Amino acid sequence: MVNASEEILSAFAKLYFFEELVHDSLQFTPTESCEKEVADLLLNLGDVIVAIQLKWRNDKSATDSEAKEIKWLGKKCKDAKSQVKESIGYIRSGTLPAFSNGRNQSISLNSDAKIIPLVIFMNKGIKKYDHVLRKHSEDGMDINCLSFEDFQKMCEALITPIEIVEYLEWRLQFYENNGPVDFMMYEAADGTVTFTKPKNNEALAYQFLAEEYGIQQSQELEMYIQAFRDFLHRLPEHTVVKSEEIADYEMVRFFAHFNRQEIKPFIERLHLAVDKAYNAEYGMIGSLRNVLRKYLVVFTSSKYGNGFPMEYLLEVAPNGDEVLRLLQLVIYWENDVEYRVDFHFCDFTRKERNFLGGKR
């Protein structure tokens, strides 16, 4: 039974992590056992899973005493830590059924994925809380803890799924190294100094961005991020044909790993290909490659939607045998006001070479 607080969390998560990546119905029944639940919510990026346990305070049970509410949170967090341990065990077992995502697609969880547990609580009576739940045994683990309001602030600051994942790991390390600090000063390589109160409205997220990109660059890249998010949100709704039932899920999962520095050239090349196709300048417009993640994205403008053979793209690409994921975007105009994007995707990390395609 899903309560109102879980519905609120799910709706917000689908906004920032996309519906394809969110699982909010995770009940299953093991053989000869009663019904279990993997977690309240999973954010599934394939190779990384954020397992969320949500604790909420019923308004009818809430008190005006912050001390009593903090005591309530302490008990709930203790329960959550036990549930997190169970969640990891369920996923690692490799015996779970496939679960429906926000698009009602049946998706299997990767039992070898990196699992990042997160405890979120809803209780407006609590203003100060422990941002990390410390382990109390050798086989335990430290776990990030966030109020729902701070979770919202974090997502609004970081925006992209992979940045949110990386921040949660960085946040845990930050508090392990520095303790529960109330005031922090950070000096960037260019001499820019940032002052933050890490625990105030999850301001620590901005320090993470300053360290990752620099303050000015992270702000300059935000306009590209919004265009990128709009592009991904529209992709499933505008899909006309799919070569596989979950082709759009594979696309969103791939793009969910893009950070700000990858998003900017992607959007620039996409817009350039759209303009070239409109002006009847056809051919290979540009490419985007990440040698660490071993992917290659090729942008092609076309008159009728014909792209280059995928095998040919690997042949002409330098060290094409090192490419594990190949994506070709073929852009063409259907009339003076509407253009299409065809996606041709090949994931060589699978046992078989499968080409996924879709029209948007």
Protein backbone atom coordinates (compact mmCIF):
# COMPACT_ATOMS: atom_id res chain seq x y z
CA MET A 1 0.00 0.00 0.00
CA VAL A 2 1.55 3.29 -1.13
CA ASN A 3 0.95 6.23 1.21
CA ALA A 4 0.74 9.91 0.25
CA SER A 5 4.34 10.67 1.23
CA GLU A 6 5.65 7.86 -1.00
CA GLU A 7 3.59 9.22 -3.89
CA ILE A 8 5.11 12.68 -3.38
CA LEU A 9 8.65 11.29 -3.32
CA SER A 10 8.00 9.16 -6.41
CA ALA A 11 6.59 12.09 -8.39
CA PHE A 12 9.56 14.28 -7.52
CA ALA A 13 12.07 11.54 -8.31
CA LYS A 14 10.51 10.96 -11.74
CA LEU A 15 11.02 14.63 -12.50
CA TYR A 16 14.77 14.58 -11.82
CA PHE A 17 15.63 10.96 -12.57
CA PHE A 18 13.10 10.43 -15.40
CA GLU A 19 10.28 7.90 -15.25
CA GLU A 20 12.37 5.24 -16.99
CA LEU A 21 14.80 5.13 -14.06
CA VAL A 22 12.36 5.12 -11.14
CA HIS A 23 10.91 1.99 -9.51
CA ASP A 24 8.30 2.64 -6.82
CA SER A 25 6.45 -0.68 -6.72
CA LEU A 26 8.98 -3.16 -5.39
CA GLN A 27 7.00 -5.88 -3.67
CA PHE A 28 7.89 -9.50 -4.36
CA THR A 29 7.18 -12.87 -2.77
CA PRO A 30 10.09 -15.30 -2.34
CA THR A 31 9.40 -19.02 -2.63
CA GLU A 32 7.62 -20.33 0.45
CA SER A 33 7.64 -16.93 2.14
CA CYS A 34 5.47 -13.87 2.69
CA GLU A 35 5.59 -10.69 0.61
CA LYS A 36 8.74 -8.57 0.89
CA GLU A 37 9.71 -5.12 -0.37
CA VAL A 38 13.13 -4.31 -1.85
CA ALA A 39 12.94 -0.62 -0.90
CA ASP A 40 10.48 2.27 -0.90
CA LEU A 41 12.04 3.62 -4.08
CA LEU A 42 14.90 2.69 -6.42
CA LEU A 43 16.68 5.06 -8.77
CA ASN A 44 18.10 2.65 -11.30
CA LEU A 45 20.88 3.78 -13.65
CA GLY A 46 21.79 0.21 -14.54
CA ASP A 47 25.32 0.06 -13.15
CA VAL A 48 24.33 2.22 -10.14
CA ILE A 49 21.23 1.90 -7.96
CA VAL A 50 20.18 4.40 -5.30
CA ALA A 51 18.08 2.47 -2.76
CA ILE A 52 15.82 4.83 -0.80
CA GLN A 53 14.09 4.18 2.48
CA LEU A 54 11.47 6.81 3.28
CA LYS A 55 10.36 7.62 6.83
CA TRP A 56 7.47 9.97 7.35
CA ARG A 57 5.72 11.38 10.38
CA ASN A 58 1.95 11.21 10.31
CA ASP A 59 0.61 14.70 11.04
CA LYS A 60 -1.83 13.26 13.57
CA SER A 61 1.07 11.74 15.52
CA ALA A 62 3.40 14.74 15.34
CA THR A 63 4.12 16.81 18.43
CA ASP A 64 5.34 20.37 19.08
CA SER A 65 8.44 19.03 20.84
CA GLU A 66 11.50 18.89 18.59
CA ALA A 67 13.20 16.63 21.14
CA LYS A 68 10.39 14.08 20.79
CA GLU A 69 10.51 14.35 17.02
CA ILE A 70 14.27 13.79 16.97
CA LYS A 71 13.75 10.75 19.17
CA TRP A 72 11.18 9.53 16.62
CA LEU A 73 13.72 10.04 13.83
CA GLY A 74 16.40 8.13 15.73
CA LYS A 75 14.13 5.11 16.02
CA LYS A 76 13.08 5.31 12.39
CA CYS A 77 16.68 5.63 11.21
CA LYS A 78 17.61 2.53 13.17
CA ASP A 79 14.85 0.65 11.37
CA ALA A 80 15.96 2.12 8.04
CA LYS A 81 19.53 0.88 8.48
CA SER A 82 18.27 -2.65 8.94
CA GLN A 83 16.04 -2.31 5.91
CA VAL A 84 18.95 -0.99 3.82
CA LYS A 85 20.96 -4.08 4.69
CA GLU A 86 18.04 -6.24 3.54
CA SER A 87 17.66 -4.19 0.34
CA ILE A 88 21.29 -4.79 -0.61
CA GLY A 89 20.92 -8.49 0.12
CA TYR A 90 17.81 -8.76 -2.08
CA ILE A 91 19.52 -7.04 -5.02
CA ARG A 92 22.77 -8.97 -4.64
CA SER A 93 20.92 -12.29 -4.59
CA GLY A 94 20.18 -12.05 -8.30
CA THR A 95 16.86 -13.82 -7.75
CA LEU A 96 14.53 -10.81 -7.86
CA PRO A 97 11.81 -10.58 -10.50
CA ALA A 98 11.78 -7.72 -12.98
CA PHE A 99 10.02 -4.59 -11.70
CA SER A 100 7.98 -2.00 -13.58
CA ASN A 101 9.47 1.45 -13.94
CA GLY A 102 7.57 4.73 -14.24
CA ARG A 103 6.83 3.94 -17.90
CA ASN A 104 5.35 0.57 -16.96
CA GLN A 105 8.27 -1.24 -18.57
CA SER A 106 9.50 -4.45 -16.96
CA ILE A 107 13.17 -3.92 -16.02
CA SER A 108 15.53 -6.38 -14.33
CA LEU A 109 17.91 -5.05 -11.68
CA ASN A 110 21.65 -5.52 -12.11
CA SER A 111 22.76 -7.65 -9.14
CA ASP A 112 26.34 -6.41 -9.63
CA ALA A 113 25.40 -2.71 -9.64
CA LYS A 114 26.94 -0.27 -7.20
CA ILE A 115 24.29 0.27 -4.52
CA ILE A 116 24.04 3.64 -2.78
CA PRO A 117 21.61 3.59 0.16
CA LEU A 118 19.79 6.77 1.14
CA VAL A 119 17.40 7.51 3.99
CA ILE A 120 14.90 10.33 3.45
CA PHE A 121 12.51 11.52 6.13
CA MET A 122 9.44 13.74 6.07
CA ASN A 123 8.96 15.59 9.33
CA LYS A 124 8.65 19.36 9.30
CA GLY A 125 9.15 19.47 13.06
CA ILE A 126 12.85 18.58 12.70
CA LYS A 127 15.25 21.36 11.72
CA LYS A 128 18.57 19.82 12.74
CA TYR A 129 19.50 16.20 12.21
CA ASP A 130 22.44 13.86 11.66
CA HIS A 131 23.30 14.03 7.95
CA VAL A 132 25.07 10.67 8.10
CA LEU A 133 23.86 7.58 9.94
CA ARG A 134 27.03 6.02 11.35
CA LYS A 135 27.67 2.29 11.37
CA HIS A 136 27.80 0.53 14.73
CA SER A 137 29.39 -2.75 13.67
CA GLU A 138 32.15 -4.02 11.40
CA ASP A 139 29.69 -5.29 8.81
CA GLY A 140 27.65 -2.07 8.95
CA MET A 141 27.94 0.98 6.70
CA ASP A 142 27.58 4.75 6.89
CA ILE A 143 24.42 5.97 5.16
CA ASN A 144 23.39 9.39 3.87
CA CYS A 145 20.35 10.89 5.58
CA LEU A 146 18.34 13.79 4.15
CA SER A 147 15.12 15.53 4.98
CA PHE A 148 12.76 15.57 2.01
CA GLU A 149 13.19 19.34 1.79
CA ASP A 150 16.97 18.97 1.59
CA PHE A 151 16.60 16.15 -0.94
CA GLN A 152 14.61 18.56 -3.12
CA LYS A 153 17.27 21.27 -2.72
CA MET A 154 19.99 18.78 -3.67
CA CYS A 155 18.20 17.70 -6.85
CA GLU A 156 17.44 21.27 -7.87
CA ALA A 157 21.11 22.24 -7.47
CA LEU A 158 22.64 19.23 -9.20
CA ILE A 159 19.94 18.49 -11.80
CA THR A 160 21.53 15.55 -13.65
CA PRO A 161 21.11 11.95 -12.40
CA ILE A 162 24.81 11.06 -12.48
CA GLU A 163 25.76 14.24 -10.61
CA ILE A 164 23.25 13.39 -7.88
CA VAL A 165 24.74 9.89 -7.59
CA GLU A 166 28.31 11.24 -7.49
CA TYR A 167 27.33 13.88 -4.95
CA LEU A 168 25.86 11.32 -2.56
CA GLU A 169 29.18 9.46 -2.58
CA TRP A 170 31.15 12.70 -2.21
CA ARG A 171 28.83 13.89 0.61
CA LEU A 172 29.42 10.75 2.62
CA GLN A 173 33.20 11.18 2.28
CA PHE A 174 32.95 14.88 3.14
CA TYR A 175 31.27 14.27 6.47
CA GLU A 176 33.62 11.38 7.21
CA ASN A 177 36.62 13.66 6.68
CA ASN A 178 35.24 16.84 8.26
CA GLY A 179 32.57 15.80 10.72
CA PRO A 180 29.29 17.74 11.18
CA VAL A 181 30.73 21.18 10.28
CA ASP A 182 28.49 24.26 10.41
CA PHE A 183 30.66 26.58 8.32
CA MET A 184 33.07 25.89 5.44
CA MET A 185 35.37 27.93 3.22
CA TYR A 186 36.54 26.60 -0.15
CA GLU A 187 39.12 28.26 -2.41
CA ALA A 188 39.08 27.22 -6.07
CA ALA A 189 42.12 26.99 -8.33
CA ASP A 190 41.30 30.39 -9.84
CA GLY A 191 41.33 32.00 -6.41
CA THR A 192 37.54 32.20 -6.08
CA VAL A 193 36.49 31.71 -2.48
CA THR A 194 33.18 30.11 -1.53
CA PHE A 195 31.66 30.22 1.94
CA THR A 196 28.95 27.71 2.75
CA LYS A 197 26.92 26.43 5.64
CA PRO A 198 26.87 22.78 4.51
CA LYS A 199 23.84 21.75 6.54
CA ASN A 200 21.74 24.80 5.65
CA ASN A 201 19.31 23.84 2.84
CA GLU A 202 21.87 21.28 1.64
CA ALA A 203 24.22 24.10 0.55
CA LEU A 204 26.98 21.51 0.46
CA ALA A 205 25.77 20.62 -3.06
CA TYR A 206 27.06 23.98 -4.31
CA GLN A 207 30.48 23.31 -2.84
CA PHE A 208 30.50 20.00 -4.69
CA LEU A 209 29.80 21.85 -7.96
CA ALA A 210 32.51 24.40 -7.18
CA GLU A 211 35.06 21.63 -6.66
CA GLU A 212 33.96 19.67 -9.73
CA TYR A 213 33.61 22.47 -12.29
CA GLY A 214 34.36 25.82 -10.72
CA ILE A 215 31.58 28.20 -9.75
CA GLN A 216 31.44 30.16 -13.00
CA GLN A 217 31.60 27.14 -15.29
CA SER A 218 28.94 25.20 -13.40
CA GLN A 219 26.57 28.16 -13.73
CA GLU A 220 27.36 28.69 -17.42
CA LEU A 221 26.54 25.04 -18.17
CA GLU A 222 23.08 25.15 -16.57
CA MET A 223 21.39 26.49 -19.73
CA TYR A 224 22.59 23.44 -21.65
CA ILE A 225 21.40 21.13 -18.88
CA GLN A 226 17.84 22.43 -19.10
CA ALA A 227 17.80 21.93 -22.88
CA PHE A 228 19.16 18.41 -22.34
CA ARG A 229 16.52 17.57 -19.73
CA ASP A 230 13.75 18.82 -22.01
CA PHE A 231 15.18 16.68 -24.81
CA LEU A 232 15.10 13.53 -22.63
CA HIS A 233 11.66 14.19 -21.18
CA ARG A 234 10.22 14.56 -24.69
CA LEU A 235 12.00 11.55 -26.13
CA PRO A 236 9.64 8.76 -24.90
CA GLU A 237 6.43 10.71 -25.59
CA HIS A 238 7.47 11.46 -29.17
CA THR A 239 8.77 7.99 -29.99
CA VAL A 240 7.11 6.58 -33.12
CA VAL A 241 8.89 3.27 -33.73
CA LYS A 242 11.07 1.12 -31.44
CA SER A 243 13.18 -1.87 -32.44
CA GLU A 244 12.86 -3.19 -28.87
CA GLU A 245 10.16 -2.62 -26.26
CA ILE A 246 12.58 -0.92 -23.86
CA ALA A 247 14.64 0.96 -26.45
CA ASP A 248 13.69 4.34 -24.96
CA TYR A 249 14.70 3.08 -21.50
CA GLU A 250 18.13 2.14 -22.86
CA MET A 251 18.50 5.61 -24.36
CA VAL A 252 17.52 7.45 -21.18
CA ARG A 253 19.78 5.21 -19.09
CA PHE A 254 22.69 5.97 -21.41
CA PHE A 255 22.09 9.72 -21.32
CA ALA A 256 21.55 9.69 -17.54
CA HIS A 257 25.30 9.14 -17.15
CA PHE A 258 26.13 12.43 -18.90
CA ASN A 259 27.63 15.16 -16.73
CA ARG A 260 27.66 18.90 -17.44
CA GLN A 261 30.83 18.80 -19.49
CA GLU A 262 29.34 16.15 -21.78
CA ILE A 263 25.93 17.77 -22.03
CA LYS A 264 27.21 21.08 -23.45
CA PRO A 265 28.89 19.63 -26.59
CA PHE A 266 26.00 17.18 -27.07
CA ILE A 267 23.42 19.97 -27.22
CA GLU A 268 25.68 22.14 -29.40
CA ARG A 269 26.21 19.35 -31.94
CA LEU A 270 22.53 18.38 -31.91
CA HIS A 271 21.46 21.96 -32.67
CA LEU A 272 24.12 22.22 -35.37
CA ALA A 273 22.87 19.03 -37.04
CA VAL A 274 19.29 20.35 -36.94
CA ASP A 275 20.39 23.58 -38.62
CA LYS A 276 22.48 21.75 -41.24
CA ALA A 277 19.60 19.46 -42.14
CA TYR A 278 17.24 22.43 -42.45
CA ASN A 279 19.70 24.13 -44.83
CA ALA A 280 20.08 20.93 -46.90
CA GLU A 281 23.68 20.39 -45.79
CA TYR A 282 23.77 16.64 -45.35
CA GLY A 283 26.42 14.32 -43.95
CA MET A 284 28.32 13.60 -40.75
CA ILE A 285 28.15 16.82 -38.75
CA GLY A 286 30.16 15.96 -35.67
CA SER A 287 30.82 13.45 -32.93
CA LEU A 288 31.19 13.19 -29.18
CA ARG A 289 33.49 10.64 -27.60
CA ASN A 290 34.39 9.69 -24.05
CA VAL A 291 37.42 7.42 -23.97
CA LEU A 292 36.96 6.62 -20.28
CA ARG A 293 33.35 5.52 -20.64
CA LYS A 294 34.18 4.13 -24.09
CA TYR A 295 31.24 5.56 -25.99
CA LEU A 296 30.95 7.36 -29.32
CA VAL A 297 28.04 9.55 -30.43
CA VAL A 298 27.79 10.54 -34.11
CA PHE A 299 25.51 13.33 -35.37
CA THR A 300 24.26 12.96 -38.95
CA SER A 301 22.08 15.35 -40.95
CA SER A 302 19.99 13.68 -43.63
CA LYS A 303 17.38 14.46 -46.26
CA TYR A 304 15.23 11.36 -45.83
CA GLY A 305 16.48 9.88 -42.55
CA ASN A 306 19.23 7.68 -43.95
CA GLY A 307 22.24 7.34 -41.68
CA PHE A 308 25.61 5.68 -42.05
CA PRO A 309 25.96 1.93 -41.44
CA MET A 310 27.01 1.39 -37.82
CA GLU A 311 29.79 -0.96 -38.89
CA TYR A 312 31.20 1.79 -41.11
CA LEU A 313 31.25 4.29 -38.21
CA LEU A 314 33.32 1.87 -36.15
CA GLU A 315 35.70 1.34 -39.05
CA VAL A 316 36.41 5.04 -39.60
CA ALA A 317 36.56 5.91 -35.88
CA PRO A 318 40.11 5.97 -34.43
CA ASN A 319 40.50 2.86 -32.27
CA GLY A 320 36.95 1.84 -33.10
CA ASP A 321 37.51 -1.54 -31.49
CA GLU A 322 37.67 0.22 -28.11
CA VAL A 323 34.14 1.64 -28.45
CA LEU A 324 31.69 -0.21 -26.21
CA ARG A 325 28.62 1.95 -26.92
CA LEU A 326 27.90 3.52 -30.29
CA LEU A 327 25.03 5.94 -30.88
CA GLN A 328 24.15 7.64 -34.16
CA LEU A 329 21.59 10.45 -34.19
CA VAL A 330 20.12 10.98 -37.65
CA ILE A 331 18.35 14.34 -37.95
CA TYR A 332 16.02 15.19 -40.84
CA TRP A 333 13.13 17.56 -41.50
CA GLU A 334 9.70 16.19 -42.42
CA ASN A 335 8.38 19.64 -43.35
CA ASP A 336 9.23 23.29 -42.70
CA VAL A 337 8.24 23.16 -39.03
CA GLU A 338 8.92 19.62 -37.80
CA TYR A 339 12.10 17.57 -37.70
CA ARG A 340 12.80 14.03 -36.58
CA VAL A 341 15.65 12.36 -34.74
CA ASP A 342 16.35 8.67 -35.35
CA PHE A 343 18.46 6.89 -32.74
CA HIS A 344 20.67 3.98 -33.76
CA PHE A 345 22.26 2.50 -30.66
CA CYS A 346 24.63 -0.43 -30.25
CA ASP A 347 25.74 -1.65 -26.84
CA PHE A 348 28.75 -3.96 -27.11
CA THR A 349 28.78 -4.61 -23.36
CA ARG A 350 25.99 -7.11 -23.95
CA LYS A 351 26.69 -10.71 -24.86
CA GLU A 352 25.20 -10.09 -28.30
CA ARG A 353 25.51 -7.03 -30.47
CA ASN A 354 22.06 -5.51 -30.47
CA PHE A 355 21.11 -2.34 -32.35
CA LEU A 356 18.37 -0.32 -30.73
CA GLY A 357 16.52 2.28 -32.71
CA GLY A 358 13.74 4.77 -32.32
CA LYS A 359 12.24 7.76 -34.04
CA ARG A 360 11.47 10.96 -32.22
